N, C-alpha and C. Protein backbone atom coordinates (compact mmCIF):
# COMPACT_ATOMS: atom_id res chain seq x y z
N MET A 1 0.71 -1.19 -0.06
CA MET A 1 -0.10 -0.09 -0.02
C MET A 1 0.88 1.30 0.06
N LYS A 2 1.82 1.21 0.92
CA LYS A 2 2.86 2.33 0.76
C LYS A 2 3.50 2.59 -0.58
N THR A 3 3.68 1.62 -1.32
CA THR A 3 4.41 1.99 -2.59
C THR A 3 3.42 2.23 -3.72
N VAL A 4 2.07 1.98 -3.57
CA VAL A 4 1.07 2.45 -4.45
C VAL A 4 0.68 3.92 -4.16
N ILE A 5 0.54 4.37 -2.78
CA ILE A 5 0.54 5.83 -2.50
C ILE A 5 1.55 6.62 -3.01
N LEU A 6 2.99 6.08 -2.96
CA LEU A 6 3.85 6.96 -3.37
C LEU A 6 4.03 6.76 -4.84
N LEU A 7 3.69 5.87 -5.77
CA LEU A 7 3.48 6.17 -7.12
C LEU A 7 2.43 7.11 -7.26
N LEU A 8 1.39 7.13 -6.71
CA LEU A 8 0.15 8.19 -6.83
C LEU A 8 0.81 9.56 -6.53
N LEU A 9 1.69 9.59 -5.67
CA LEU A 9 2.07 10.97 -4.98
C LEU A 9 3.07 11.44 -6.42
N ALA A 10 3.83 10.41 -6.80
CA ALA A 10 4.87 10.80 -7.74
C ALA A 10 4.02 11.53 -9.25
N TYR A 11 2.91 10.63 -9.47
CA TYR A 11 2.15 11.05 -10.62
C TYR A 11 1.59 12.57 -10.39
N LEU A 12 1.12 12.71 -9.07
CA LEU A 12 0.68 14.17 -8.71
C LEU A 12 1.58 15.13 -8.88
N LEU A 13 2.86 14.83 -8.38
CA LEU A 13 3.96 15.87 -8.43
C LEU A 13 4.16 16.32 -10.04
N GLY A 14 4.13 15.24 -10.70
CA GLY A 14 4.29 15.36 -12.23
C GLY A 14 3.22 16.17 -12.76
N SER A 15 2.15 16.05 -12.18
CA SER A 15 0.87 16.81 -12.86
C SER A 15 0.86 18.20 -12.66
N ILE A 16 1.54 18.80 -11.67
CA ILE A 16 1.76 20.18 -11.35
C ILE A 16 1.98 20.86 -12.71
N PRO A 17 1.00 21.82 -13.34
CA PRO A 17 1.16 22.35 -14.42
C PRO A 17 1.97 23.51 -14.35
N SER A 18 3.19 23.49 -14.08
CA SER A 18 4.04 24.69 -13.98
C SER A 18 3.83 25.85 -14.67
N GLY A 19 3.94 25.74 -16.00
CA GLY A 19 3.55 26.85 -17.01
C GLY A 19 2.29 27.64 -17.01
N VAL A 20 1.38 26.63 -16.90
CA VAL A 20 -0.04 27.26 -16.65
C VAL A 20 -0.12 27.79 -15.32
N TRP A 21 -0.02 27.50 -14.15
CA TRP A 21 -0.03 28.17 -13.15
C TRP A 21 0.71 29.18 -12.87
N ILE A 22 2.14 29.26 -13.40
CA ILE A 22 3.04 30.46 -13.23
C ILE A 22 2.20 31.45 -14.08
N GLY A 23 1.66 31.18 -15.30
CA GLY A 23 1.24 32.23 -16.24
C GLY A 23 0.04 32.95 -15.77
N LYS A 24 -0.90 31.84 -14.93
CA LYS A 24 -2.14 32.55 -14.43
C LYS A 24 -1.91 33.31 -13.27
N LEU A 25 -0.76 32.93 -12.51
CA LEU A 25 -0.65 33.60 -11.16
C LEU A 25 0.04 34.78 -11.33
N PHE A 26 0.92 35.04 -12.00
CA PHE A 26 1.67 36.03 -12.22
C PHE A 26 1.54 36.96 -13.38
N PHE A 27 1.04 36.33 -14.45
CA PHE A 27 0.81 37.31 -15.66
C PHE A 27 -0.49 37.13 -16.15
N LYS A 28 -1.23 36.62 -15.52
CA LYS A 28 -2.89 36.55 -15.94
C LYS A 28 -3.09 36.18 -17.33
N LYS A 29 -2.23 35.15 -17.91
CA LYS A 29 -2.36 34.41 -19.07
C LYS A 29 -2.36 32.83 -18.93
N ASP A 30 -2.97 32.53 -19.64
CA ASP A 30 -3.04 30.83 -19.86
C ASP A 30 -2.22 30.69 -21.02
N ILE A 31 -1.02 30.20 -20.98
CA ILE A 31 -0.07 30.01 -21.92
C ILE A 31 -0.42 28.99 -23.03
N ARG A 32 -1.37 28.27 -22.68
CA ARG A 32 -2.11 27.19 -23.72
C ARG A 32 -2.76 27.85 -24.87
N LEU A 33 -3.11 29.25 -24.57
CA LEU A 33 -3.88 30.25 -25.56
C LEU A 33 -2.92 30.88 -26.48
N PHE A 34 -1.56 30.66 -26.20
CA PHE A 34 -0.63 31.59 -26.99
C PHE A 34 0.37 30.57 -27.50
N GLY A 35 1.18 31.31 -28.56
CA GLY A 35 2.43 30.42 -28.90
C GLY A 35 1.89 29.35 -29.62
N SER A 36 2.68 28.00 -29.10
CA SER A 36 2.44 26.81 -29.70
C SER A 36 1.21 26.23 -29.02
N GLY A 37 0.68 26.78 -28.04
CA GLY A 37 -0.32 26.15 -27.24
C GLY A 37 -0.06 25.18 -26.17
N ASN A 38 1.48 24.79 -26.29
CA ASN A 38 1.84 23.83 -25.33
C ASN A 38 1.97 24.50 -23.68
N SER A 39 1.92 23.66 -22.97
CA SER A 39 2.27 24.06 -21.45
C SER A 39 3.46 23.92 -21.03
N GLY A 40 4.49 23.71 -21.73
CA GLY A 40 5.72 23.15 -21.26
C GLY A 40 6.77 24.30 -21.25
N THR A 41 8.09 24.15 -21.09
CA THR A 41 9.16 25.24 -20.85
C THR A 41 9.20 25.97 -21.80
N THR A 42 9.42 25.56 -23.21
CA THR A 42 9.69 26.33 -24.50
C THR A 42 8.59 27.29 -24.54
N ASN A 43 7.20 27.04 -24.59
CA ASN A 43 6.29 27.86 -24.77
C ASN A 43 6.13 28.94 -23.76
N THR A 44 6.70 28.71 -22.50
CA THR A 44 6.59 29.53 -21.44
C THR A 44 7.68 30.56 -21.59
N PHE A 45 9.03 30.30 -22.21
CA PHE A 45 9.73 31.31 -22.53
C PHE A 45 9.37 32.14 -23.48
N ARG A 46 8.59 31.53 -24.67
CA ARG A 46 8.09 32.32 -25.76
C ARG A 46 7.12 33.20 -25.42
N VAL A 47 6.23 32.79 -24.49
CA VAL A 47 5.13 33.84 -24.04
C VAL A 47 5.18 34.59 -23.07
N LEU A 48 5.95 34.06 -21.93
CA LEU A 48 6.04 34.79 -20.57
C LEU A 48 7.34 35.40 -20.32
N GLY A 49 8.40 34.98 -21.26
CA GLY A 49 9.81 35.55 -20.94
C GLY A 49 10.68 34.60 -20.34
N LYS A 50 11.93 35.24 -20.36
CA LYS A 50 13.13 34.39 -19.77
C LYS A 50 12.99 34.13 -18.39
N GLN A 51 12.72 34.82 -17.58
CA GLN A 51 12.60 34.77 -16.12
C GLN A 51 11.48 33.69 -15.73
N ALA A 52 10.36 33.72 -16.33
CA ALA A 52 9.33 32.60 -16.11
C ALA A 52 9.70 31.55 -16.73
N GLY A 53 10.25 31.43 -17.81
CA GLY A 53 10.74 30.12 -18.50
C GLY A 53 11.77 29.55 -17.70
N ILE A 54 12.72 30.11 -16.96
CA ILE A 54 13.92 29.56 -16.07
C ILE A 54 13.08 29.00 -15.06
N VAL A 55 12.04 29.54 -14.43
CA VAL A 55 11.40 29.08 -13.24
C VAL A 55 10.78 27.70 -13.65
N VAL A 56 10.01 27.83 -14.53
CA VAL A 56 9.09 26.64 -15.05
C VAL A 56 10.20 25.50 -15.46
N LEU A 57 11.25 25.67 -16.01
CA LEU A 57 12.07 24.68 -16.32
C LEU A 57 12.50 24.26 -15.07
N ALA A 58 12.97 24.96 -14.00
CA ALA A 58 13.49 24.33 -12.67
C ALA A 58 12.25 23.64 -12.09
N MET A 59 11.04 24.13 -12.22
CA MET A 59 9.93 23.33 -11.61
C MET A 59 9.87 21.95 -12.04
N ASP A 60 9.73 22.13 -13.49
CA ASP A 60 9.51 20.63 -14.12
C ASP A 60 10.49 19.74 -14.00
N ILE A 61 11.97 20.18 -13.97
CA ILE A 61 12.86 19.17 -13.58
C ILE A 61 12.87 18.65 -12.29
N LEU A 62 12.35 19.57 -11.49
CA LEU A 62 12.38 19.13 -9.99
C LEU A 62 11.47 18.13 -9.77
N LYS A 63 10.22 18.34 -10.44
CA LYS A 63 9.17 17.26 -10.31
C LYS A 63 9.54 15.77 -10.69
N GLY A 64 10.55 15.75 -11.78
CA GLY A 64 10.96 14.37 -11.80
C GLY A 64 12.05 14.03 -10.94
N THR A 65 12.73 14.90 -10.47
CA THR A 65 13.88 14.64 -9.51
C THR A 65 13.20 14.18 -7.96
N LEU A 66 12.30 14.95 -7.63
CA LEU A 66 11.84 14.72 -6.28
C LEU A 66 10.80 13.34 -6.39
N ALA A 67 10.27 13.14 -7.39
CA ALA A 67 9.33 11.90 -7.61
C ALA A 67 10.28 10.68 -7.56
N THR A 68 11.41 10.75 -8.40
CA THR A 68 12.43 9.59 -8.39
C THR A 68 13.10 9.36 -6.93
N SER A 69 13.20 10.46 -6.07
CA SER A 69 13.66 10.33 -4.90
C SER A 69 12.81 9.95 -3.86
N LEU A 70 11.53 9.70 -4.23
CA LEU A 70 10.33 9.26 -3.24
C LEU A 70 10.87 8.06 -2.36
N PRO A 71 11.13 6.95 -3.02
CA PRO A 71 11.53 5.60 -2.36
C PRO A 71 12.59 5.90 -1.44
N THR A 72 13.64 6.70 -1.75
CA THR A 72 14.95 7.10 -0.75
C THR A 72 14.31 7.78 0.37
N LEU A 73 13.32 8.74 0.11
CA LEU A 73 13.14 9.82 1.11
C LEU A 73 12.07 9.00 2.08
N PHE A 74 11.22 7.96 1.61
CA PHE A 74 10.47 7.14 2.33
C PHE A 74 10.75 5.79 2.57
N HIS A 75 11.92 5.45 2.45
CA HIS A 75 12.64 4.18 2.76
C HIS A 75 11.77 3.05 2.22
N ASP A 76 11.46 3.14 0.88
CA ASP A 76 10.80 2.05 0.21
C ASP A 76 11.73 1.32 -1.12
N THR A 77 12.29 0.16 -0.57
CA THR A 77 13.18 -0.49 -1.33
C THR A 77 12.48 -1.46 -2.19
N THR A 78 11.13 -1.49 -2.29
CA THR A 78 10.41 -2.61 -3.01
C THR A 78 10.38 -2.64 -4.54
N ILE A 79 10.69 -1.21 -4.99
CA ILE A 79 10.70 -1.21 -6.52
C ILE A 79 11.52 -0.14 -6.84
N ASN A 80 11.96 -0.33 -8.19
CA ASN A 80 13.18 0.52 -8.75
C ASN A 80 12.69 2.02 -8.80
N PRO A 81 13.42 2.86 -8.24
CA PRO A 81 12.93 4.31 -8.07
C PRO A 81 12.54 4.92 -9.48
N LEU A 82 13.07 4.16 -10.67
CA LEU A 82 12.79 4.73 -12.10
C LEU A 82 11.13 4.91 -12.11
N TRP A 83 10.68 3.69 -11.65
CA TRP A 83 9.20 3.69 -11.89
C TRP A 83 8.35 5.05 -11.36
N PHE A 84 9.03 5.69 -10.28
CA PHE A 84 8.26 6.79 -9.77
C PHE A 84 8.70 7.97 -10.60
N GLY A 85 9.88 7.90 -11.34
CA GLY A 85 10.08 8.89 -12.28
C GLY A 85 9.19 8.76 -13.49
N VAL A 86 8.76 7.59 -13.91
CA VAL A 86 7.90 7.35 -14.93
C VAL A 86 6.63 7.81 -14.56
N CYS A 87 6.13 7.66 -13.46
CA CYS A 87 4.93 8.16 -12.86
C CYS A 87 4.78 9.83 -13.10
N ALA A 88 5.92 10.29 -12.72
CA ALA A 88 6.03 11.81 -12.81
C ALA A 88 5.95 12.33 -14.22
N ILE A 89 6.71 11.55 -15.18
CA ILE A 89 6.48 11.68 -16.54
C ILE A 89 4.99 11.69 -17.14
N LEU A 90 4.32 10.89 -16.64
CA LEU A 90 3.07 10.62 -17.05
C LEU A 90 2.14 11.74 -16.55
N GLY A 91 2.37 11.98 -15.40
CA GLY A 91 1.60 13.28 -14.80
C GLY A 91 2.00 14.56 -15.70
N HIS A 92 3.21 14.76 -16.07
CA HIS A 92 3.47 15.97 -16.76
C HIS A 92 3.04 16.01 -18.27
N THR A 93 2.83 14.73 -18.68
CA THR A 93 2.25 14.71 -20.07
C THR A 93 0.67 14.71 -20.12
N PHE A 94 0.22 13.93 -19.06
CA PHE A 94 -1.28 13.82 -18.73
C PHE A 94 -1.49 14.33 -17.59
N PRO A 95 -1.54 15.57 -17.22
CA PRO A 95 -1.78 16.29 -15.73
C PRO A 95 -3.12 16.18 -15.37
N ILE A 96 -3.49 15.62 -14.25
CA ILE A 96 -4.77 15.62 -13.79
C ILE A 96 -5.29 17.01 -13.40
N PHE A 97 -4.43 17.90 -13.19
CA PHE A 97 -4.82 19.42 -12.82
C PHE A 97 -4.75 20.18 -14.07
N ALA A 98 -4.69 19.74 -15.09
CA ALA A 98 -4.87 20.71 -16.49
C ALA A 98 -5.58 19.85 -17.42
N GLY A 99 -6.64 19.28 -17.06
CA GLY A 99 -7.26 18.41 -18.25
C GLY A 99 -6.74 17.38 -18.90
N PHE A 100 -5.60 16.83 -18.46
CA PHE A 100 -4.73 15.74 -18.97
C PHE A 100 -4.04 16.21 -20.43
N LYS A 101 -3.88 17.48 -20.45
CA LYS A 101 -3.08 17.92 -21.47
C LYS A 101 -1.95 18.75 -21.09
N GLY A 102 -0.68 17.95 -21.23
CA GLY A 102 0.47 18.60 -20.59
C GLY A 102 1.50 18.87 -21.63
N GLY A 103 2.85 18.89 -21.27
CA GLY A 103 3.88 19.11 -22.05
C GLY A 103 4.55 17.78 -22.70
N LYS A 104 5.83 18.09 -23.13
CA LYS A 104 6.22 16.82 -23.99
C LYS A 104 7.34 15.96 -23.46
N ALA A 105 7.49 16.03 -22.06
CA ALA A 105 8.22 15.05 -21.28
C ALA A 105 9.71 15.28 -21.14
N VAL A 106 10.23 16.33 -21.83
CA VAL A 106 11.67 16.57 -21.96
C VAL A 106 12.04 16.85 -20.54
N ALA A 107 11.76 18.03 -20.07
CA ALA A 107 12.27 18.52 -18.58
C ALA A 107 12.09 17.54 -17.56
N THR A 108 10.87 16.90 -17.46
CA THR A 108 10.62 16.09 -16.37
C THR A 108 11.50 14.88 -16.44
N SER A 109 11.75 14.38 -17.61
CA SER A 109 12.56 13.21 -17.88
C SER A 109 14.00 13.63 -17.47
N ALA A 110 14.44 14.76 -17.75
CA ALA A 110 15.67 15.10 -17.40
C ALA A 110 15.86 15.04 -15.75
N GLY A 111 14.77 15.55 -15.38
CA GLY A 111 14.65 15.54 -13.65
C GLY A 111 14.75 14.13 -13.17
N MET A 112 14.01 13.20 -13.95
CA MET A 112 14.16 11.80 -13.42
C MET A 112 15.59 11.36 -13.33
N LEU A 113 16.22 11.56 -14.52
CA LEU A 113 17.75 11.44 -14.74
C LEU A 113 18.57 11.99 -13.59
N LEU A 114 18.30 13.06 -13.19
CA LEU A 114 18.95 13.95 -11.98
C LEU A 114 18.71 13.16 -10.58
N GLY A 115 17.50 12.59 -10.54
CA GLY A 115 17.21 11.72 -9.20
C GLY A 115 18.01 10.50 -9.24
N TYR A 116 17.96 9.99 -10.43
CA TYR A 116 18.39 8.51 -10.46
C TYR A 116 20.12 8.54 -10.66
N SER A 117 20.68 9.46 -11.37
CA SER A 117 22.17 9.39 -11.73
C SER A 117 22.57 10.88 -11.92
N PRO A 118 23.10 11.77 -11.00
CA PRO A 118 23.37 13.02 -11.02
C PRO A 118 24.48 13.29 -12.34
N LEU A 119 25.58 12.39 -12.38
CA LEU A 119 26.46 12.42 -13.33
C LEU A 119 26.02 12.21 -14.55
N PHE A 120 24.98 11.20 -14.75
CA PHE A 120 24.49 10.98 -16.20
C PHE A 120 23.62 12.00 -16.41
N PHE A 121 22.97 12.72 -15.61
CA PHE A 121 22.24 13.92 -15.77
C PHE A 121 23.01 14.83 -16.33
N ILE A 122 24.09 15.23 -15.81
CA ILE A 122 25.15 16.38 -16.21
C ILE A 122 25.66 15.94 -17.64
N TYR A 123 25.91 14.51 -17.88
CA TYR A 123 26.40 14.11 -19.19
C TYR A 123 25.18 14.34 -20.28
N SER A 124 23.93 14.26 -19.91
CA SER A 124 22.78 14.39 -20.79
C SER A 124 22.53 15.77 -21.08
N SER A 125 22.85 16.38 -20.20
CA SER A 125 22.48 17.87 -20.34
C SER A 125 23.53 18.43 -21.00
N ALA A 126 24.65 18.17 -20.90
CA ALA A 126 25.93 18.53 -21.86
C ALA A 126 25.47 18.26 -23.56
N ILE A 127 24.89 17.06 -23.45
CA ILE A 127 24.55 16.69 -25.00
C ILE A 127 23.50 17.69 -25.48
N PHE A 128 22.43 17.94 -24.49
CA PHE A 128 21.37 18.81 -25.06
C PHE A 128 21.88 20.37 -25.34
N VAL A 129 22.84 20.80 -24.39
CA VAL A 129 23.32 22.23 -24.67
C VAL A 129 24.13 22.28 -25.89
N LEU A 130 24.90 21.15 -26.22
CA LEU A 130 25.87 21.15 -27.31
C LEU A 130 24.83 21.31 -28.77
N PHE A 131 23.95 20.34 -28.66
CA PHE A 131 23.04 20.38 -29.95
C PHE A 131 22.20 21.60 -29.97
N LEU A 132 21.83 22.12 -28.98
CA LEU A 132 21.06 23.25 -28.92
C LEU A 132 21.79 24.53 -29.52
N PHE A 133 23.25 24.24 -29.16
CA PHE A 133 24.07 25.56 -29.69
C PHE A 133 24.26 25.46 -31.22
N LEU A 134 24.22 23.97 -31.74
CA LEU A 134 24.46 23.66 -33.13
C LEU A 134 23.24 24.15 -33.82
N THR A 135 22.06 23.77 -33.30
CA THR A 135 20.75 23.88 -34.23
C THR A 135 20.02 25.10 -33.72
N SER A 136 20.07 25.60 -32.72
CA SER A 136 19.34 26.72 -32.24
C SER A 136 17.82 26.39 -32.05
N MET A 137 17.47 25.07 -32.20
CA MET A 137 16.08 24.63 -32.19
C MET A 137 15.81 23.95 -31.11
N VAL A 138 14.85 24.01 -30.13
CA VAL A 138 14.81 23.28 -29.06
C VAL A 138 14.02 21.98 -29.46
N SER A 139 13.24 22.03 -30.37
CA SER A 139 12.51 20.69 -30.67
C SER A 139 13.34 19.54 -31.42
N LEU A 140 14.26 20.10 -32.34
CA LEU A 140 15.21 19.30 -33.06
C LEU A 140 16.34 18.70 -31.96
N THR A 141 16.75 19.49 -31.13
CA THR A 141 17.67 19.15 -30.07
C THR A 141 17.07 18.17 -29.06
N SER A 142 15.92 18.41 -28.67
CA SER A 142 15.14 17.51 -27.84
C SER A 142 15.03 16.03 -28.59
N MET A 143 14.72 15.87 -29.66
CA MET A 143 14.78 14.60 -30.56
C MET A 143 16.10 13.99 -30.61
N ILE A 144 16.96 14.77 -30.99
CA ILE A 144 18.40 14.22 -31.21
C ILE A 144 18.94 13.84 -29.94
N SER A 145 18.79 14.57 -28.88
CA SER A 145 19.25 14.09 -27.39
C SER A 145 18.56 12.97 -26.74
N ALA A 146 17.32 12.87 -27.34
CA ALA A 146 16.55 11.74 -26.71
C ALA A 146 17.24 10.40 -27.33
N VAL A 147 17.71 10.38 -28.56
CA VAL A 147 18.15 9.34 -29.24
C VAL A 147 19.63 9.03 -28.63
N LEU A 148 20.42 10.04 -28.60
CA LEU A 148 21.77 10.07 -28.20
C LEU A 148 21.76 9.33 -26.49
N ILE A 149 20.94 9.83 -25.84
CA ILE A 149 20.86 9.54 -24.55
C ILE A 149 20.37 7.86 -24.25
N THR A 150 19.33 7.72 -25.17
CA THR A 150 18.92 6.54 -25.21
C THR A 150 20.05 5.50 -25.37
N LEU A 151 20.74 5.57 -26.33
CA LEU A 151 22.03 4.85 -26.88
C LEU A 151 23.15 4.97 -25.59
N SER A 152 23.33 6.11 -25.03
CA SER A 152 24.09 6.16 -24.03
C SER A 152 23.90 5.41 -22.87
N THR A 153 22.71 4.91 -22.57
CA THR A 153 22.28 4.24 -21.43
C THR A 153 22.95 2.93 -21.70
N MET A 154 23.22 2.36 -22.84
CA MET A 154 23.71 1.06 -23.07
C MET A 154 25.34 0.97 -23.27
N ILE A 155 25.71 2.35 -23.84
CA ILE A 155 27.20 2.41 -24.26
C ILE A 155 28.04 3.04 -23.11
N VAL A 156 27.52 3.99 -22.38
CA VAL A 156 28.33 4.67 -21.18
C VAL A 156 28.59 3.96 -20.15
N PRO A 157 27.77 2.76 -19.62
CA PRO A 157 28.27 1.83 -18.54
C PRO A 157 29.49 0.91 -19.10
N LEU A 158 29.55 0.84 -20.28
CA LEU A 158 30.84 -0.09 -20.95
C LEU A 158 31.95 0.74 -21.09
N VAL A 159 31.84 2.06 -21.48
CA VAL A 159 33.08 2.86 -21.78
C VAL A 159 33.40 3.99 -20.84
N PHE A 160 32.33 4.52 -19.96
CA PHE A 160 32.58 5.41 -18.98
C PHE A 160 31.84 5.03 -17.76
N PRO A 161 32.17 3.94 -17.08
CA PRO A 161 31.22 3.49 -15.87
C PRO A 161 31.46 4.62 -14.72
N ALA A 162 32.30 5.37 -14.73
CA ALA A 162 32.29 6.53 -13.89
C ALA A 162 31.13 7.26 -13.69
N ILE A 163 30.44 7.39 -15.05
CA ILE A 163 29.39 8.47 -15.18
C ILE A 163 28.24 7.72 -14.96
N LEU A 164 28.09 6.37 -15.42
CA LEU A 164 27.01 5.43 -15.29
C LEU A 164 27.46 3.96 -14.84
N PRO A 165 27.53 3.67 -13.53
CA PRO A 165 28.46 2.41 -13.33
C PRO A 165 27.73 1.05 -13.68
N GLU A 166 26.45 0.97 -13.85
CA GLU A 166 25.94 -0.26 -14.41
C GLU A 166 24.69 -0.10 -15.40
N GLN A 167 24.84 -1.13 -16.08
CA GLN A 167 23.70 -1.06 -17.17
C GLN A 167 22.42 -1.60 -16.70
N ASN A 168 21.48 -0.54 -16.77
CA ASN A 168 20.17 -0.83 -16.25
C ASN A 168 19.12 -0.86 -17.41
N TRP A 169 18.79 -2.05 -17.59
CA TRP A 169 17.86 -2.23 -18.75
C TRP A 169 16.51 -1.56 -18.77
N LEU A 170 16.05 -1.39 -17.67
CA LEU A 170 14.75 -0.53 -17.33
C LEU A 170 15.01 0.71 -17.73
N LEU A 171 16.25 1.37 -17.58
CA LEU A 171 16.57 2.65 -18.02
C LEU A 171 16.25 3.00 -19.35
N THR A 172 17.03 1.89 -20.07
CA THR A 172 17.10 1.94 -21.40
C THR A 172 15.63 1.86 -21.99
N ILE A 173 14.91 0.85 -21.58
CA ILE A 173 13.55 0.67 -22.00
C ILE A 173 12.78 1.92 -21.79
N ILE A 174 12.97 2.62 -20.46
CA ILE A 174 12.17 3.86 -20.32
C ILE A 174 12.75 4.95 -21.39
N ALA A 175 13.92 4.96 -21.46
CA ALA A 175 14.60 6.03 -22.58
C ALA A 175 13.91 5.65 -23.94
N VAL A 176 13.83 4.37 -24.35
CA VAL A 176 13.09 4.26 -25.59
C VAL A 176 11.87 4.66 -25.66
N CYS A 177 10.95 4.40 -24.89
CA CYS A 177 9.56 4.86 -24.66
C CYS A 177 9.50 6.35 -24.65
N VAL A 178 10.27 6.90 -23.86
CA VAL A 178 10.29 8.38 -23.72
C VAL A 178 10.72 9.12 -25.06
N SER A 179 11.60 8.27 -25.75
CA SER A 179 12.23 9.02 -26.87
C SER A 179 10.94 8.93 -28.03
N ALA A 180 10.31 7.81 -28.05
CA ALA A 180 9.18 7.44 -29.06
C ALA A 180 8.18 8.64 -28.82
N PHE A 181 7.79 8.76 -27.59
CA PHE A 181 6.67 9.79 -27.23
C PHE A 181 7.19 11.11 -27.40
N ILE A 182 8.50 11.47 -27.18
CA ILE A 182 8.83 12.87 -27.63
C ILE A 182 9.06 13.16 -29.04
N PHE A 183 9.18 12.02 -29.92
CA PHE A 183 9.04 12.18 -31.38
C PHE A 183 7.63 12.26 -31.81
N TYR A 184 6.78 11.63 -31.01
CA TYR A 184 5.23 11.83 -31.44
C TYR A 184 4.82 13.25 -31.01
N ARG A 185 5.14 13.64 -29.89
CA ARG A 185 4.69 14.87 -29.73
C ARG A 185 5.16 15.95 -30.59
N HIS A 186 6.46 15.89 -31.05
CA HIS A 186 7.04 16.84 -32.00
C HIS A 186 6.69 16.75 -33.37
N ARG A 187 5.75 15.82 -33.77
CA ARG A 187 5.46 15.64 -35.13
C ARG A 187 5.16 16.79 -35.74
N GLU A 188 4.35 17.82 -35.28
CA GLU A 188 4.24 19.15 -36.07
C GLU A 188 5.43 19.86 -36.30
N ASN A 189 6.31 19.88 -35.35
CA ASN A 189 7.62 20.63 -35.39
C ASN A 189 8.63 19.79 -36.37
N ILE A 190 8.24 18.46 -36.57
CA ILE A 190 9.16 17.80 -37.69
C ILE A 190 8.64 18.21 -39.00
N GLN A 191 7.55 18.47 -39.20
CA GLN A 191 7.07 19.09 -40.38
C GLN A 191 7.58 20.37 -40.70
N ARG A 192 7.68 21.32 -39.63
CA ARG A 192 8.32 22.75 -39.79
C ARG A 192 9.65 22.70 -40.10
N ILE A 193 10.35 21.79 -39.37
CA ILE A 193 11.88 21.54 -39.53
C ILE A 193 11.86 21.29 -40.99
N ALA A 194 11.14 20.37 -41.75
CA ALA A 194 11.44 19.81 -42.93
C ALA A 194 11.13 21.08 -44.02
N LYS A 195 10.32 21.95 -43.63
CA LYS A 195 9.92 23.11 -44.47
C LYS A 195 10.72 24.46 -44.12
N GLY A 196 11.63 24.20 -43.05
CA GLY A 196 12.50 25.34 -42.83
C GLY A 196 11.85 26.46 -41.91
N THR A 197 10.71 26.22 -41.29
CA THR A 197 9.97 27.23 -40.78
C THR A 197 9.85 27.14 -39.17
N GLU A 198 10.67 26.29 -38.76
CA GLU A 198 10.75 25.97 -37.30
C GLU A 198 11.31 27.06 -36.45
N SER A 199 10.66 27.35 -35.56
CA SER A 199 11.08 28.55 -34.48
C SER A 199 12.66 28.28 -33.84
N ARG A 200 13.40 29.19 -33.87
CA ARG A 200 14.82 29.17 -33.43
C ARG A 200 14.76 29.84 -32.02
N VAL A 201 15.80 29.64 -31.28
CA VAL A 201 15.89 30.46 -29.85
C VAL A 201 16.95 31.36 -30.21
N PRO A 202 17.20 32.36 -29.39
CA PRO A 202 18.39 33.40 -29.33
C PRO A 202 19.43 32.83 -28.84
N PHE A 203 19.96 31.80 -29.26
CA PHE A 203 21.25 30.92 -28.68
C PHE A 203 21.86 30.05 -29.63
N GLY A 204 23.08 30.06 -30.08
CA GLY A 204 23.84 29.29 -30.81
C GLY A 204 24.04 29.76 -32.16
N LEU A 205 24.44 28.79 -33.02
CA LEU A 205 25.01 28.97 -34.22
C LEU A 205 24.10 29.57 -35.29
N ASN A 206 22.64 29.04 -35.12
CA ASN A 206 21.77 29.53 -36.08
C ASN A 206 20.45 30.12 -35.42
N SER A 207 21.02 30.95 -34.38
CA SER A 207 20.02 31.70 -33.48
C SER A 207 18.93 32.71 -34.04
N SER A 208 18.01 32.92 -33.54
CA SER A 208 16.91 33.80 -34.12
C SER A 208 17.49 35.37 -34.12
N LYS A 209 18.48 35.62 -33.23
CA LYS A 209 18.94 36.97 -33.48
C LYS A 209 19.86 37.25 -34.68
N LYS A 210 20.50 36.07 -35.14
CA LYS A 210 21.31 36.09 -36.30
C LYS A 210 20.32 36.25 -37.44
N GLU A 211 19.20 35.55 -37.32
CA GLU A 211 18.08 35.56 -38.56
C GLU A 211 17.59 37.24 -38.65
N LYS A 212 17.54 37.84 -37.37
CA LYS A 212 16.93 39.24 -37.50
C LYS A 212 18.02 39.99 -38.04
N ARG A 213 19.26 39.86 -37.65
CA ARG A 213 20.36 40.74 -38.23
C ARG A 213 20.33 40.55 -39.77
N GLY A 214 20.23 39.20 -40.16
CA GLY A 214 20.31 38.99 -41.47
C GLY A 214 19.24 39.61 -42.39
């Protein structure tokens, strides 16, 4: 019963619609009515600005981290902590507090990695930042990073065990599923990328600032 309650708590943590609540509380805006219509970090940056975006990013990561840490905090060793992270991801993408319409799972999945292995989180974040610098597109970076991080769950334990000491097939399976979901949720972005109309961020080699100067 304790485990079931904690899994439910993990889902409820993930269900906190950070972008929606921050927008309504401090800006009197429902970000789902603006920009891409998504309630996640990228649309928060676009609609509410940098400061709000950073806060929402931190909150969305923290949801995954705190959920994955629940079995440690409550001394429950009967189940792999990654399952609690999965519940948070499900909560983030299908939030009970926001009509079951949530974000694209990127930030909360990163939070799960932070709760599971801080070093692997840093490694994964470096991949994300590198490709964001190269592409200046959050959507494309998210998809590339998802694939590379999934492959890394299998390769890094063999090559760099200091970063991820052991191969955890549950982590790999979760990474595959999350990657597939990320690609599915980015299907409209994929079409815009193919047409050359995808939005860019003001960071990196192909940033929106350079486009404006051009």
